[in-house]
Protein backbone atom coordinates (compact mmCIF):
# COMPACT_ATOMS: atom_id res chain seq x y z
CA UNK A 1 -34.61 125.66 104.48
CA UNK A 2 -32.06 123.18 106.13
CA UNK A 3 -28.74 124.66 106.01
CA UNK A 4 -26.55 121.67 104.47
CA UNK A 5 -23.67 120.99 106.90
CA UNK A 6 -20.77 120.27 105.32
CA UNK A 7 -19.21 116.81 105.92
CA UNK A 8 -15.45 117.27 107.64
CA UNK A 9 -12.74 115.28 105.77
CA UNK A 10 -11.62 112.44 107.72
CA UNK A 11 -8.28 113.29 109.66
CA UNK A 12 -4.77 112.32 107.56
CA UNK A 13 -3.38 109.17 108.88
CA UNK A 14 -0.68 110.16 111.51
CA UNK A 15 3.08 110.09 110.12
CA UNK A 16 4.99 107.40 111.55
CA UNK A 17 8.55 108.73 112.84
CA UNK A 18 10.61 105.98 112.66
CA UNK A 19 13.17 106.66 116.09
CA UNK A 20 16.90 105.80 115.38
CA UNK A 21 17.52 102.93 118.15
CA UNK A 22 21.00 103.69 120.06
CA UNK A 23 22.26 100.41 120.75
CA UNK A 24 24.52 100.99 123.62
CA UNK A 25 28.17 99.71 123.68
CA UNK A 26 28.16 96.95 126.19
CA UNK A 27 29.36 97.89 129.73
CA UNK A 28 32.95 96.49 130.84
CA UNK A 29 33.62 94.50 133.33
CA UNK A 30 35.94 93.96 134.99
CA UNK A 31 37.38 89.84 135.56
CA UNK A 32 41.18 89.17 136.57
CA UNK A 33 42.00 87.10 133.50
CA UNK A 34 40.29 89.71 131.54
CA UNK A 35 42.00 93.07 130.26
CA UNK A 36 39.75 95.97 130.01
CA UNK A 37 41.82 97.71 127.88
CA UNK A 38 41.11 97.68 124.68
CA UNK A 39 43.98 98.62 123.06
CA UNK A 40 46.37 96.49 124.56
CA UNK A 41 47.16 93.44 122.75
CA UNK A 42 48.70 91.99 126.11
CA UNK A 43 47.17 89.23 127.32
CA UNK A 44 46.76 89.14 130.91
CA UNK A 45 48.20 86.14 132.82
CA UNK A 46 45.93 83.29 135.31
CA UNK A 47 46.55 81.91 138.44
CA UNK A 48 48.69 78.56 137.94
CA UNK A 49 50.28 80.19 134.60
CA UNK A 50 53.60 80.96 134.31
CA UNK A 51 54.92 84.95 133.18
CA UNK A 52 57.81 85.83 130.62
CA UNK A 53 59.27 88.05 133.84
CA UNK A 54 61.55 90.14 131.09
CA UNK A 55 59.64 93.39 130.35
CA UNK A 56 56.26 92.50 131.93
CA UNK A 57 55.20 95.15 132.62
CA UNK A 58 57.52 98.00 131.33
CA UNK A 59 59.30 100.39 133.95
CA UNK A 60 57.66 101.48 137.16
CA UNK A 61 59.65 103.29 139.58
CA UNK A 62 59.75 103.42 143.63
CA UNK A 63 57.71 106.10 145.70
CA UNK A 64 61.73 107.51 146.08
CA UNK A 65 62.57 107.71 142.17
CA UNK A 66 63.97 104.51 141.79
CA UNK A 67 63.79 103.25 138.37
CA UNK A 68 62.51 99.71 138.45
CA UNK A 69 61.00 96.83 136.65
CA UNK A 70 58.81 93.77 138.58
CA UNK A 71 61.56 90.94 137.27
CA UNK A 72 64.23 92.71 139.25
CA UNK A 73 61.90 93.26 141.67
CA UNK A 74 61.02 89.39 141.87
CA UNK A 75 64.77 88.78 141.58
CA UNK A 76 65.71 90.89 144.71
CA UNK A 77 62.74 88.81 146.56
CA UNK A 78 63.74 85.83 148.64
CA UNK A 79 60.37 84.08 147.30
CA UNK A 80 58.53 85.97 144.91
CA UNK A 81 56.39 89.76 145.26
CA UNK A 82 53.22 91.07 146.51
CA UNK A 83 51.90 93.86 144.79
CA UNK A 84 48.51 95.17 146.46
CA UNK A 85 46.58 97.93 143.57
CA UNK A 86 44.85 100.96 144.63
CA UNK A 87 42.87 104.03 143.80
CA UNK A 88 44.83 106.24 145.08
CA UNK A 89 46.90 107.14 147.32
CA UNK A 90 45.38 108.91 150.70
CA UNK A 91 41.68 107.67 150.19
CA UNK A 92 39.88 106.69 152.97
CA UNK A 93 39.67 102.59 151.76
CA UNK A 94 43.46 103.07 150.17
CA UNK A 95 44.83 104.14 153.37
CA UNK A 96 42.89 100.68 155.20
CA UNK A 97 44.14 98.45 152.58
CA UNK A 98 47.61 99.55 153.03
CA UNK A 99 47.41 100.01 156.83
CA UNK A 100 46.10 96.26 156.99
CA UNK A 101 49.41 94.90 155.01
CA UNK A 102 51.43 97.03 157.98
CA UNK A 103 50.05 95.74 160.55
CA UNK A 104 50.18 92.53 159.32
CA UNK A 105 53.73 93.16 157.37
CA UNK A 106 55.91 90.51 159.34
CA UNK A 107 53.71 87.39 159.00
CA UNK A 108 53.40 88.67 155.64
CA UNK A 109 56.25 88.05 154.66
CA UNK A 110 57.34 85.49 156.93
CA UNK A 111 57.77 82.47 154.30
CA UNK A 112 60.14 85.15 151.75
CA UNK A 113 57.49 87.12 150.22
CA UNK A 114 58.30 90.77 149.39
CA UNK A 115 55.17 92.97 149.45
CA UNK A 116 54.78 96.28 147.24
CA UNK A 117 51.71 98.92 147.13
CA UNK A 118 51.15 99.55 143.00
CA UNK A 119 48.96 102.35 141.86
CA UNK A 120 48.80 105.34 138.87
CA UNK A 121 49.74 107.67 141.81
CA UNK A 122 52.64 110.57 141.22
CA UNK A 123 56.02 109.47 143.64
CA UNK A 124 55.31 112.20 145.53
CA UNK A 125 51.75 111.39 146.40
CA UNK A 126 53.03 108.14 147.26
CA UNK A 127 55.85 109.35 149.63
CA UNK A 128 53.20 111.72 151.56
CA UNK A 129 50.85 108.23 151.86
CA UNK A 130 54.16 105.81 152.73
CA UNK A 131 55.39 108.25 155.12
CA UNK A 132 52.17 109.48 156.84
CA UNK A 133 50.92 105.91 157.07
CA UNK A 134 54.58 104.24 158.15
CA UNK A 135 54.72 102.10 155.67
CA UNK A 136 57.13 99.06 155.76
CA UNK A 137 57.31 98.13 151.93
CA UNK A 138 58.16 100.29 149.35
CA UNK A 139 54.48 102.26 147.02
CA UNK A 140 55.13 101.65 143.59
CA UNK A 141 54.21 104.30 141.00
CA UNK A 142 52.63 103.59 137.33
CA UNK A 143 51.83 106.66 136.12
CA UNK A 144 51.64 105.51 132.43
CA UNK A 145 49.11 102.09 133.59
CA UNK A 146 51.39 99.66 132.06
CA UNK A 147 52.27 97.13 135.20
CA UNK A 148 48.62 97.56 136.55
CA UNK A 149 47.36 96.93 132.89
CA UNK A 150 49.60 94.16 133.01
CA UNK A 151 48.00 92.15 135.34
CA UNK A 152 44.17 93.01 134.14
CA UNK A 153 43.31 95.80 136.96
CA UNK A 154 43.77 98.76 134.64
CA UNK A 155 40.01 100.15 134.02
CA UNK A 156 38.63 101.69 131.01
CA UNK A 157 39.70 104.52 130.39
CA UNK A 158 41.00 105.45 133.49
CA UNK A 159 41.74 104.24 136.67
CA UNK A 160 42.80 101.56 138.66
CA UNK A 161 41.03 98.29 140.21
CA UNK A 162 41.68 97.30 143.59
CA UNK A 163 42.96 93.95 143.87
CA UNK A 164 46.64 91.63 144.80
CA UNK A 165 48.76 89.79 142.53
CA UNK A 166 51.46 87.34 143.39
CA UNK A 167 54.13 86.06 141.76
CA UNK A 168 56.75 83.35 142.65
CA UNK A 169 60.53 83.68 142.06
CA UNK A 170 60.40 80.76 138.64
CA UNK A 171 57.19 83.65 137.54
CA UNK A 172 54.33 81.48 138.41
CA UNK A 173 51.21 83.19 139.43
CA UNK A 174 49.99 82.71 142.74
CA UNK A 175 47.32 85.14 143.21
CA UNK A 176 45.27 87.35 141.11
CA UNK A 177 41.99 88.56 142.48
CA UNK A 178 40.46 91.95 142.63
CA UNK A 179 38.56 92.26 145.89
CA UNK A 180 38.29 95.00 148.55
CA UNK A 181 41.07 95.94 151.48
CA UNK A 182 40.86 92.99 153.97
CA UNK A 183 39.56 90.62 150.57
CA UNK A 184 43.50 91.20 149.44
CA UNK A 185 44.92 90.67 152.50
CA UNK A 186 43.34 87.66 153.56
CA UNK A 187 44.48 86.00 150.24
CA UNK A 188 47.91 86.84 150.92
CA UNK A 189 47.59 85.40 154.48
CA UNK A 190 45.85 82.51 153.61
CA UNK A 191 48.78 81.67 150.51
CA UNK A 192 51.78 82.49 153.20
CA UNK A 193 49.97 79.95 155.81
CA UNK A 194 49.35 77.12 152.92
CA UNK A 195 53.29 77.38 152.15
CA UNK A 196 54.23 77.33 155.67
CA UNK A 197 52.13 74.26 156.07
CA UNK A 198 53.59 72.62 152.95
CA UNK A 199 57.17 73.60 154.15
CA UNK A 200 56.83 72.11 157.49
CA UNK A 201 55.52 69.00 155.93
CA UNK A 202 57.89 68.89 153.30
CA UNK A 203 60.50 68.86 156.40
CA UNK A 204 58.73 66.49 158.53
CA UNK A 205 58.66 63.81 155.62
CA UNK A 206 62.23 64.18 155.10
């Protein structure tokens, strides 16, 4: 007798399981005119804008522990304030940046600008940094990153973007840009050259 083979039942259709696709949050891109801290309601100023310095950036302190504000620093200056921001005291890039400002200090302050380093470091860390590198300017300690955030250089959720911010006596923003050690110093150098030329032209025309 011929043995009849049982026909195999067809395999069940594959079960398709839909994977839940996770939507990635857009990466935070730093721009000098945009605040990278979502919780902040303060608008970051732009170059050419006049800033109301009253209360701007909150209270900070110098490396020796003296409480101050950006407005007080501007009021004490002859023609305005330079703030160069750096991520962490005594690290290679920050040391290079601070030393470039140190080495060019006389020329960079020749038009009356006052120079300050600004970071979220503690007074102790910044004092060690200033002493070791023999820096001729104070280092500002903004441990809460209120001023760093106000000028747009606070990273989210934490950290500081290297950059430079310059404001004149009237509160007008002259420079606001992120950049490496050389670029931050060069931006101020070009501003000083431009300011000196304008001053000489005005004298010649008088």
